[in-house]
C-alpha atoms as a PDB file:
ATOM      1  CA  MET A   1       8.260 -14.668  19.070  1.00  0.00           C
ATOM      2  CA  ALA A   2       5.137 -13.522  17.252  1.00  0.00           C
ATOM      3  CA  ARG A   3       3.737 -13.627  13.739  1.00  0.00           C
ATOM      4  CA  VAL A   4       3.518 -10.137  12.327  1.00  0.00           C
ATOM      5  CA  ASP A   5       2.330  -8.334   9.196  1.00  0.00           C
ATOM      6  CA  LEU A   6       2.468  -4.558   8.965  1.00  0.00           C
ATOM      7  CA  HIS A   7       1.183  -4.138   5.404  1.00  0.00           C
ATOM      8  CA  ILE A   8      -2.399  -5.317   4.838  1.00  0.00           C
ATOM      9  CA  HIS A   9      -5.144  -3.960   2.554  1.00  0.00           C
ATOM     10  CA  SER A  10      -8.893  -4.303   2.888  1.00  0.00           C
ATOM     11  CA  ASN A  11     -11.569  -3.602   0.298  1.00  0.00           C
ATOM     12  CA  CYS A  12     -11.704  -0.040   1.601  1.00  0.00           C
ATOM     13  CA  SER A  13      -8.894   0.454  -0.912  1.00  0.00           C
ATOM     14  CA  ASP A  14      -7.870  -2.270  -3.364  1.00  0.00           C
ATOM     15  CA  GLY A  15      -7.948  -5.439  -1.298  1.00  0.00           C
ATOM     16  CA  SER A  16     -10.624  -8.073  -1.968  1.00  0.00           C
ATOM     17  CA  ASP A  17     -11.562  -8.826   1.662  1.00  0.00           C
ATOM     18  CA  THR A  18     -13.980  -6.829   3.747  1.00  0.00           C
ATOM     19  CA  VAL A  19     -12.583  -5.738   7.090  1.00  0.00           C
ATOM     20  CA  LYS A  20     -14.651  -8.364   8.886  1.00  0.00           C
ATOM     21  CA  GLU A  21     -13.441 -11.112   6.510  1.00  0.00           C
ATOM     22  CA  LEU A  22      -9.896  -9.881   6.957  1.00  0.00           C
ATOM     23  CA  LEU A  23     -10.093 -10.118  10.738  1.00  0.00           C
ATOM     24  CA  GLU A  24     -11.366 -13.695  10.533  1.00  0.00           C
ATOM     25  CA  LYS A  25      -8.432 -14.651   8.292  1.00  0.00           C
ATOM     26  CA  ILE A  26      -6.014 -12.886  10.638  1.00  0.00           C
ATOM     27  CA  LYS A  27      -7.353 -14.977  13.523  1.00  0.00           C
ATOM     28  CA  GLN A  28      -7.143 -18.181  11.462  1.00  0.00           C
ATOM     29  CA  GLU A  29      -3.516 -17.401  10.613  1.00  0.00           C
ATOM     30  CA  ASN A  30      -2.685 -16.766  14.292  1.00  0.00           C
ATOM     31  CA  LEU A  31      -1.360 -13.366  13.276  1.00  0.00           C
ATOM     32  CA  GLU A  32      -0.623 -11.633  16.565  1.00  0.00           C
ATOM     33  CA  ILE A  33       0.554  -8.197  15.377  1.00  0.00           C
ATOM     34  CA  PHE A  34      -0.912  -6.521  12.325  1.00  0.00           C
ATOM     35  CA  ALA A  35      -1.519  -3.144  10.709  1.00  0.00           C
ATOM     36  CA  ILE A  36      -4.236  -2.003   8.319  1.00  0.00           C
ATOM     37  CA  THR A  37      -2.585   0.152   5.632  1.00  0.00           C
ATOM     38  CA  ASP A  38      -5.136   0.936   2.954  1.00  0.00           C
ATOM     39  CA  HIS A  39      -4.178   3.218   0.072  1.00  0.00           C
ATOM     40  CA  ASP A  40      -4.864   6.894   0.768  1.00  0.00           C
ATOM     41  CA  THR A  41      -7.718   6.196   3.198  1.00  0.00           C
ATOM     42  CA  ILE A  42      -8.220   5.421   6.891  1.00  0.00           C
ATOM     43  CA  GLU A  43     -11.699   3.923   6.442  1.00  0.00           C
ATOM     44  CA  GLY A  44     -10.364   0.380   6.879  1.00  0.00           C
ATOM     45  CA  CYS A  45      -8.847   1.348  10.215  1.00  0.00           C
ATOM     46  CA  ARG A  46     -12.040   3.074  11.261  1.00  0.00           C
ATOM     47  CA  GLU A  47     -14.079  -0.022  10.428  1.00  0.00           C
ATOM     48  CA  MET A  48     -11.605  -2.378  12.121  1.00  0.00           C
ATOM     49  CA  GLU A  49     -12.121  -0.417  15.343  1.00  0.00           C
ATOM     50  CA  GLN A  50     -15.647  -1.858  15.415  1.00  0.00           C
ATOM     51  CA  TYR A  51     -14.228  -5.372  15.750  1.00  0.00           C
ATOM     52  CA  SER A  52     -10.834  -5.004  17.435  1.00  0.00           C
ATOM     53  CA  ASN A  53      -8.777  -2.560  19.462  1.00  0.00           C
ATOM     54  CA  ASN A  54      -5.645  -4.619  19.119  1.00  0.00           C
ATOM     55  CA  PHE A  55      -4.146  -3.508  15.827  1.00  0.00           C
ATOM     56  CA  ILE A  56      -1.844  -0.813  14.447  1.00  0.00           C
ATOM     57  CA  HIS A  57      -3.507   2.054  12.610  1.00  0.00           C
ATOM     58  CA  GLY A  58      -1.795   2.717   9.307  1.00  0.00           C
ATOM     59  CA  ILE A  59      -2.141   4.256   5.872  1.00  0.00           C
ATOM     60  CA  GLU A  60      -0.218   3.971   2.599  1.00  0.00           C
ATOM     61  CA  LEU A  61       0.135   7.244   0.708  1.00  0.00           C
ATOM     62  CA  THR A  62       0.948   7.376  -3.009  1.00  0.00           C
ATOM     63  CA  CYS A  63       3.653  10.033  -3.410  1.00  0.00           C
ATOM     64  CA  GLN A  64       6.145  11.778  -5.650  1.00  0.00           C
ATOM     65  CA  ALA A  65       9.530  12.672  -4.160  1.00  0.00           C
ATOM     66  CA  ASP A  66      11.443  14.669  -6.783  1.00  0.00           C
ATOM     67  CA  ASP A  67      11.909  12.059  -9.534  1.00  0.00           C
ATOM     68  CA  ILE A  68      10.973   9.122  -7.282  1.00  0.00           C
ATOM     69  CA  LYS A  69       7.511   7.595  -7.500  1.00  0.00           C
ATOM     70  CA  CYS A  70       7.014   6.006  -4.115  1.00  0.00           C
ATOM     71  CA  HIS A  71       4.602   4.813  -1.472  1.00  0.00           C
ATOM     72  CA  ILE A  72       5.054   5.756   2.165  1.00  0.00           C
ATOM     73  CA  LEU A  73       3.454   4.049   5.134  1.00  0.00           C
ATOM     74  CA  GLY A  74       2.326   5.947   8.203  1.00  0.00           C
ATOM     75  CA  TYR A  75       2.128   3.784  11.339  1.00  0.00           C
ATOM     76  CA  GLY A  76       0.403   4.556  14.599  1.00  0.00           C
ATOM     77  CA  CYS A  77      -1.358   7.513  12.995  1.00  0.00           C
ATOM     78  CA  ASP A  78      -4.167   9.466  14.580  1.00  0.00           C
ATOM     79  CA  ILE A  79      -6.952   8.717  12.097  1.00  0.00           C
ATOM     80  CA  ASN A  80      -8.946  11.710  13.326  1.00  0.00           C
ATOM     81  CA  ASN A  81      -6.178  14.229  12.716  1.00  0.00           C
ATOM     82  CA  GLU A  82      -7.462  17.193  10.751  1.00  0.00           C
ATOM     83  CA  LYS A  83      -4.366  17.611   8.546  1.00  0.00           C
ATOM     84  CA  LEU A  84      -4.384  13.948   7.562  1.00  0.00           C
ATOM     85  CA  LEU A  85      -8.105  14.015   6.784  1.00  0.00           C
ATOM     86  CA  GLU A  86      -7.631  17.131   4.639  1.00  0.00           C
ATOM     87  CA  LEU A  87      -4.935  15.370   2.616  1.00  0.00           C
ATOM     88  CA  ILE A  88      -7.132  12.295   2.169  1.00  0.00           C
ATOM     89  CA  GLU A  89     -10.013  14.466   0.955  1.00  0.00           C
ATOM     90  CA  LYS A  90      -7.714  16.176  -1.553  1.00  0.00           C
ATOM     91  CA  GLY A  91      -6.668  12.762  -2.833  1.00  0.00           C
ATOM     92  CA  LYS A  92     -10.283  11.689  -3.315  1.00  0.00           C
ATOM     93  CA  LYS A  93     -10.958  14.665  -5.568  1.00  0.00           C
ATOM     94  CA  LEU A  94      -7.822  14.059  -7.619  1.00  0.00           C
ATOM     95  CA  ARG A  95      -8.621  10.352  -8.051  1.00  0.00           C
ATOM     96  CA  ARG A  96     -12.142  11.150  -9.215  1.00  0.00           C
ATOM     97  CA  ILE A  97     -10.588  12.955 -12.198  1.00  0.00           C
ATOM     98  CA  LYS A  98      -8.353   9.933 -12.861  1.00  0.00           C
ATOM     99  CA  LEU A  99     -11.349   7.590 -12.638  1.00  0.00           C
ATOM    100  CA  GLU A 100     -13.264   9.582 -15.244  1.00  0.00           C
ATOM    101  CA  THR A 101     -10.213   9.674 -17.528  1.00  0.00           C
ATOM    102  CA  ARG A 102      -9.875   5.876 -17.405  1.00  0.00           C
ATOM    103  CA  VAL A 103     -13.576   5.309 -18.080  1.00  0.00           C
ATOM    104  CA  LYS A 104     -13.288   7.496 -21.185  1.00  0.00           C
ATOM    105  CA  TYR A 105     -10.037   5.776 -22.269  1.00  0.00           C
ATOM    106  CA  LEU A 106     -11.536   2.279 -22.095  1.00  0.00           C
ATOM    107  CA  LYS A 107     -14.416   3.407 -24.299  1.00  0.00           C
ATOM    108  CA  GLU A 108     -12.345   5.317 -26.866  1.00  0.00           C
ATOM    109  CA  LYS A 109      -9.281   3.065 -27.055  1.00  0.00           C
ATOM    110  CA  TRP A 110     -10.788  -0.395 -26.483  1.00  0.00           C
ATOM    111  CA  ASN A 111     -14.497   0.143 -27.195  1.00  0.00           C
ATOM    112  CA  ILE A 112     -15.237  -1.079 -23.677  1.00  0.00           C
ATOM    113  CA  GLU A 113     -18.227   0.774 -22.288  1.00  0.00           C
ATOM    114  CA  LEU A 114     -18.848   0.199 -18.594  1.00  0.00           C
ATOM    115  CA  THR A 115     -22.364  -0.634 -17.497  1.00  0.00           C
ATOM    116  CA  GLN A 116     -24.237   1.559 -15.048  1.00  0.00           C
ATOM    117  CA  ASP A 117     -23.803  -1.083 -12.347  1.00  0.00           C
ATOM    118  CA  GLU A 118     -20.050  -1.136 -12.953  1.00  0.00           C
ATOM    119  CA  LEU A 119     -19.885   2.656 -12.845  1.00  0.00           C
ATOM    120  CA  ASP A 120     -21.987   2.784  -9.678  1.00  0.00           C
ATOM    121  CA  TRP A 121     -19.627   0.288  -8.053  1.00  0.00           C
ATOM    122  CA  LEU A 122     -16.542   2.301  -9.030  1.00  0.00           C
ATOM    123  CA  TYR A 123     -17.992   5.592  -7.847  1.00  0.00           C
ATOM    124  CA  SER A 124     -19.042   4.031  -4.539  1.00  0.00           C
ATOM    125  CA  ARG A 125     -15.442   3.096  -3.664  1.00  0.00           C
ATOM    126  CA  THR A 126     -13.555   5.031  -1.015  1.00  0.00           C
ATOM    127  CA  SER A 127     -10.328   4.764  -3.014  1.00  0.00           C
ATOM    128  CA  VAL A 128     -10.407   3.760  -6.692  1.00  0.00           C
ATOM    129  CA  VAL A 129      -7.204   2.383  -8.227  1.00  0.00           C
ATOM    130  CA  LYS A 130      -6.291   0.416 -11.351  1.00  0.00           C
ATOM    131  CA  THR A 131      -7.089  -2.877  -9.628  1.00  0.00           C
ATOM    132  CA  HIS A 132     -10.769  -1.984  -9.462  1.00  0.00           C
ATOM    133  CA  PHE A 133     -10.926  -1.474 -13.237  1.00  0.00           C
ATOM    134  CA  ALA A 134      -8.903  -4.663 -13.724  1.00  0.00           C
ATOM    135  CA  ASN A 135     -11.400  -6.672 -11.654  1.00  0.00           C
ATOM    136  CA  ILE A 136     -14.216  -5.537 -13.937  1.00  0.00           C
ATOM    137  CA  LEU A 137     -12.227  -6.583 -17.006  1.00  0.00           C
ATOM    138  CA  VAL A 138     -11.366  -9.971 -15.484  1.00  0.00           C
ATOM    139  CA  ASN A 139     -15.021 -10.542 -14.568  1.00  0.00           C
ATOM    140  CA  ARG A 140     -15.918  -9.832 -18.183  1.00  0.00           C
ATOM    141  CA  GLY A 141     -13.444 -12.474 -19.328  1.00  0.00           C
ATOM    142  CA  LEU A 142     -11.178  -9.938 -21.039  1.00  0.00           C
ATOM    143  CA  ALA A 143      -8.096 -10.959 -19.014  1.00  0.00           C
ATOM    144  CA  ASP A 144      -6.966 -13.888 -16.887  1.00  0.00           C
ATOM    145  CA  ASP A 145      -5.922 -11.824 -13.889  1.00  0.00           C
ATOM    146  CA  THR A 146      -5.740  -8.245 -12.642  1.00  0.00           C
ATOM    147  CA  VAL A 147      -2.045  -7.772 -13.451  1.00  0.00           C
ATOM    148  CA  SER A 148      -2.445  -8.722 -17.116  1.00  0.00           C
ATOM    149  CA  ALA A 149      -5.652  -6.658 -17.320  1.00  0.00           C
ATOM    150  CA  MET A 150      -3.840  -3.562 -16.085  1.00  0.00           C
ATOM    151  CA  LYS A 151      -0.900  -4.081 -18.423  1.00  0.00           C
ATOM    152  CA  LYS A 152      -3.054  -4.543 -21.521  1.00  0.00           C
ATOM    153  CA  TYR A 153      -5.933  -2.147 -20.990  1.00  0.00           C
ATOM    154  CA  ILE A 154      -5.031   0.491 -18.424  1.00  0.00           C
ATOM    155  CA  ASP A 155      -1.310   1.129 -17.988  1.00  0.00           C
ATOM    156  CA  ASP A 156      -0.993   3.165 -21.205  1.00  0.00           C
ATOM    157  CA  CYS A 157      -3.795   5.527 -20.224  1.00  0.00           C
ATOM    158  CA  LYS A 158      -2.355   8.983 -19.595  1.00  0.00           C
ATOM    159  CA  THR A 159      -3.967  10.454 -16.480  1.00  0.00           C
ATOM    160  CA  PRO A 160      -3.420  13.599 -14.429  1.00  0.00           C
ATOM    161  CA  ASN A 161      -0.942  13.234 -11.604  1.00  0.00           C
ATOM    162  CA  THR A 162      -2.757  12.217  -8.421  1.00  0.00           C
ATOM    163  CA  ARG A 163       0.316  11.502  -6.328  1.00  0.00           C
ATOM    164  CA  PHE A 164       0.801  13.535  -3.199  1.00  0.00           C
ATOM    165  CA  ASN A 165       3.884  15.688  -3.051  1.00  0.00           C
ATOM    166  CA  ILE A 166       6.143  13.964  -0.532  1.00  0.00           C
ATOM    167  CA  LYS A 167       6.454  17.161   1.492  1.00  0.00           C
ATOM    168  CA  GLU A 168       2.712  17.515   2.031  1.00  0.00           C
ATOM    169  CA  ALA A 169       2.372  13.791   2.782  1.00  0.00           C
ATOM    170  CA  VAL A 170       5.157  13.838   5.378  1.00  0.00           C
ATOM    171  CA  LYS A 171       3.741  17.019   6.917  1.00  0.00           C
ATOM    172  CA  ALA A 172       0.301  15.427   7.296  1.00  0.00           C
ATOM    173  CA  LEU A 173       1.692  12.181   8.709  1.00  0.00           C
ATOM    174  CA  ASN A 174       3.869  14.058  11.184  1.00  0.00           C
ATOM    175  CA  ALA A 175       0.818  16.052  12.273  1.00  0.00           C
ATOM    176  CA  ALA A 176      -0.952  12.728  12.861  1.00  0.00           C
ATOM    177  CA  ASP A 177       2.007  11.441  14.964  1.00  0.00           C
ATOM    178  CA  ALA A 178       2.729   8.675  12.462  1.00  0.00           C
ATOM    179  CA  ILE A 179       6.010   6.835  11.982  1.00  0.00           C
ATOM    180  CA  ILE A 180       6.900   7.198   8.305  1.00  0.00           C
ATOM    181  CA  VAL A 181       8.272   4.161   6.447  1.00  0.00           C
ATOM    182  CA  TRP A 182       9.234   3.824   2.781  1.00  0.00           C
ATOM    183  CA  ALA A 183       7.127   0.952   1.432  1.00  0.00           C
ATOM    184  CA  HIS A 184       8.713  -1.755  -0.773  1.00  0.00           C
ATOM    185  CA  PRO A 185      11.686   0.563  -1.468  1.00  0.00           C
ATOM    186  CA  LEU A 186      13.339  -1.670  -4.076  1.00  0.00           C
ATOM    187  CA  GLY A 187      10.110  -1.817  -6.076  1.00  0.00           C
ATOM    188  CA  GLY A 188       6.553  -2.986  -5.573  1.00  0.00           C
ATOM    189  CA  GLU A 189       4.212  -5.355  -7.377  1.00  0.00           C
ATOM    190  CA  GLY A 190       5.075  -5.775 -11.057  1.00  0.00           C
ATOM    191  CA  GLU A 191       7.973  -3.299 -10.871  1.00  0.00           C
ATOM    192  CA  LYS A 192      11.572  -3.963 -11.814  1.00  0.00           C
ATOM    193  CA  HIS A 193      13.592  -4.061  -8.615  1.00  0.00           C
ATOM    194  CA  LEU A 194      16.259  -1.445  -8.108  1.00  0.00           C
ATOM    195  CA  THR A 195      19.880  -2.498  -7.974  1.00  0.00           C
ATOM    196  CA  GLU A 196      21.942  -1.514  -4.955  1.00  0.00           C
ATOM    197  CA  GLU A 197      23.607   1.231  -7.009  1.00  0.00           C
ATOM    198  CA  GLU A 198      20.248   2.610  -8.120  1.00  0.00           C
ATOM    199  CA  PHE A 199      18.765   2.443  -4.643  1.00  0.00           C
ATOM    200  CA  LEU A 200      21.392   4.219  -2.544  1.00  0.00           C
ATOM    201  CA  PRO A 201      21.039   7.749  -4.010  1.00  0.00           C
ATOM    202  CA  LYS A 202      17.247   7.438  -3.794  1.00  0.00           C
ATOM    203  CA  LEU A 203      17.598   6.487  -0.138  1.00  0.00           C
ATOM    204  CA  GLU A 204      19.464   9.738   0.524  1.00  0.00           C
ATOM    205  CA  THR A 205      16.635  11.667  -1.136  1.00  0.00           C
ATOM    206  CA  MET A 206      13.985   9.869   0.910  1.00  0.00           C
ATOM    207  CA  LYS A 207      15.906  10.414   4.130  1.00  0.00           C
ATOM    208  CA  ASN A 208      16.058  14.116   3.391  1.00  0.00           C
ATOM    209  CA  PHE A 209      12.282  14.144   3.015  1.00  0.00           C
ATOM    210  CA  GLY A 210      11.860  12.637   6.456  1.00  0.00           C
ATOM    211  CA  ILE A 211      11.307   8.886   6.320  1.00  0.00           C
ATOM    212  CA  LYS A 212      12.089   7.089   9.581  1.00  0.00           C
ATOM    213  CA  GLY A 213      12.139   3.502   8.385  1.00  0.00           C
ATOM    214  CA  LEU A 214      12.379   1.003   5.535  1.00  0.00           C
ATOM    215  CA  GLU A 215      10.111  -1.905   4.691  1.00  0.00           C
ATOM    216  CA  CYS A 216      12.988  -4.384   4.606  1.00  0.00           C
ATOM    217  CA  TYR A 217      10.897  -7.553   4.733  1.00  0.00           C
ATOM    218  CA  TYR A 218       8.446  -7.788   1.833  1.00  0.00           C
ATOM    219  CA  SER A 219       6.604 -10.623   0.102  1.00  0.00           C
ATOM    220  CA  ARG A 220       8.348 -10.115  -3.257  1.00  0.00           C
ATOM    221  CA  TYR A 221      11.910  -9.746  -1.931  1.00  0.00           C
ATOM    222  CA  THR A 222      14.622 -12.385  -1.835  1.00  0.00           C
ATOM    223  CA  GLU A 223      16.768 -13.066   1.207  1.00  0.00           C
ATOM    224  CA  GLN A 224      19.627 -11.189  -0.471  1.00  0.00           C
ATOM    225  CA  GLU A 225      17.413  -8.143  -0.998  1.00  0.00           C
ATOM    226  CA  GLU A 226      16.060  -8.153   2.543  1.00  0.00           C
ATOM    227  CA  ASN A 227      19.555  -8.501   3.995  1.00  0.00           C
ATOM    228  CA  PHE A 228      20.710  -5.548   1.910  1.00  0.00           C
ATOM    229  CA  LEU A 229      17.809  -3.418   3.114  1.00  0.00           C
ATOM    230  CA  VAL A 230      18.297  -4.423   6.749  1.00  0.00           C
ATOM    231  CA  ASN A 231      21.964  -3.416   6.539  1.00  0.00           C
ATOM    232  CA  CYS A 232      20.992  -0.105   4.903  1.00  0.00           C
ATOM    233  CA  ALA A 233      18.489   0.587   7.667  1.00  0.00           C
ATOM    234  CA  LYS A 234      21.042  -0.148  10.386  1.00  0.00           C
ATOM    235  CA  ARG A 235      23.752   1.979   8.765  1.00  0.00           C
ATOM    236  CA  ASN A 236      21.361   4.910   8.401  1.00  0.00           C
ATOM    237  CA  ASN A 237      19.700   4.638  11.823  1.00  0.00           C
ATOM    238  CA  LEU A 238      16.358   3.827  10.226  1.00  0.00           C
ATOM    239  CA  LEU A 239      13.669   1.601  11.689  1.00  0.00           C
ATOM    240  CA  ILE A 240      13.085  -1.845  10.186  1.00  0.00           C
ATOM    241  CA  SER A 241       9.561  -2.768   9.123  1.00  0.00           C
ATOM    242  CA  GLY A 242       7.995  -5.600   7.189  1.00  0.00           C
ATOM    243  CA  GLY A 243       4.747  -6.610   5.566  1.00  0.00           C
ATOM    244  CA  SER A 244       3.172  -8.859   2.991  1.00  0.00           C
ATOM    245  CA  ASP A 245       1.221  -6.221   1.018  1.00  0.00           C
ATOM    246  CA  TYR A 246      -1.722  -8.612   1.268  1.00  0.00           C
ATOM    247  CA  HIS A 247      -4.600  -7.771  -1.101  1.00  0.00           C
ATOM    248  CA  GLY A 248      -6.568 -11.014  -0.934  1.00  0.00           C
ATOM    249  CA  THR A 249      -7.361 -12.346  -4.401  1.00  0.00           C
ATOM    250  CA  ASN A 250      -6.262  -9.074  -6.020  1.00  0.00           C
ATOM    251  CA  LYS A 251      -2.592 -10.028  -5.760  1.00  0.00           C
ATOM    252  CA  LYS A 252      -1.480 -13.550  -6.544  1.00  0.00           C
ATOM    253  CA  ASN A 253       0.435 -15.769  -4.117  1.00  0.00           C
ATOM    254  CA  ILE A 254       0.603 -13.261  -1.273  1.00  0.00           C
ATOM    255  CA  SER A 255      -0.667 -14.677   1.995  1.00  0.00           C
ATOM    256  CA  LEU A 256      -0.881 -12.935   5.326  1.00  0.00           C
ATOM    257  CA  ALA A 257       2.481 -12.766   7.156  1.00  0.00           C
ATOM    258  CA  LYS A 258       4.419 -13.606   3.966  1.00  0.00           C
ATOM    259  CA  LEU A 259       7.383 -11.291   4.502  1.00  0.00           C
ATOM    260  CA  ASN A 260       9.682 -12.614   1.761  1.00  0.00           C
ATOM    261  CA  CYS A 261       9.373 -14.574  -1.457  1.00  0.00           C
ATOM    262  CA  ASP A 262      10.720 -17.763   0.199  1.00  0.00           C
ATOM    263  CA  ASN A 263       8.019 -17.850   2.901  1.00  0.00           C
ATOM    264  CA  LYS A 264      10.751 -17.811   5.532  1.00  0.00           C
ATOM    265  CA  PHE A 265       9.345 -16.978   8.973  1.00  0.00           C
ATOM    266  CA  ILE A 266      10.287 -13.492  10.148  1.00  0.00           C
ATOM    267  CA  ASP A 267       9.883 -13.013  13.877  1.00  0.00           C
ATOM    268  CA  SER A 268       8.422  -9.784  15.213  1.00  0.00           C
ATOM    269  CA  ASP A 269      11.688  -9.163  17.079  1.00  0.00           C
ATOM    270  CA  CYS A 270      13.314  -8.433  13.707  1.00  0.00           C
ATOM    271  CA  LEU A 271      11.070  -5.396  13.186  1.00  0.00           C
ATOM    272  CA  THR A 272      12.574  -2.593  15.243  1.00  0.00           C
ATOM    273  CA  ILE A 273       9.642  -0.308  14.423  1.00  0.00           C
ATOM    274  CA  LEU A 274       7.586  -2.303  16.921  1.00  0.00           C
ATOM    275  CA  ASN A 275       9.822  -1.102  19.757  1.00  0.00           C
ATOM    276  CA  VAL A 276       8.692   2.445  18.979  1.00  0.00           C
ATOM    277  CA  LEU A 277       5.045   1.616  18.300  1.00  0.00           C
ATOM    278  CA  GLU A 278       4.732  -0.358  21.522  1.00  0.00           C
ATOM    279  CA  ALA A 279       6.564   2.228  23.657  1.00  0.00           C
END
């Protein structure tokens, strides 16, 4: 029996904790098995290597699979793989365009002009997402939390598509020897969860694109939802994964190793992906 969390973000993407702070919290929580899965970057993994060699290298890629907006996790990836690094670099360039669009939108729509310090901070980030803008707005007292800040000020901003095509993402992850898992497949933070009827055809699409597992245990899922996903994974010969989607203070009420909304302990033996990663 071991405490496990295979979905953790550092401030190399949109988490609030530095990698060093994250490792200290992981030790305090007696978390024995963990993965760093920052959005569209491997810099968190690279930095964690300075402090520990006992963790799973991961990445979370923001993708489009036909009509499905999704996130896929790549576990055990070679963070020096050329194809993966090329994809990450492409994503950086696309997100820079999105960043500039949002800066302009805040000024024109809401008369919110970012200071030079705020702009310097945004442009210094490895991976800029809505949460970073939301933090600025919360710090200014314009919203109570990042979720409400995004909903009010940012979500309606029309930006160019910066999602990776699922085919190119899967190709890069396969080149990096990663195990590909569909993250929070019923819906992520702030999203309406799919019904079973809505989910099943999407699962067939995702299988066809090459996923090998499902994130069945997730901090926002009920026991009924996790049981449904576990059964789906077993019926479809998919690996079972689980993670909190920890972002520190950037996501409310999500602690390390929280793998369901009831805080029920999920033993590492339940996650069949570990059998492959540890082989």
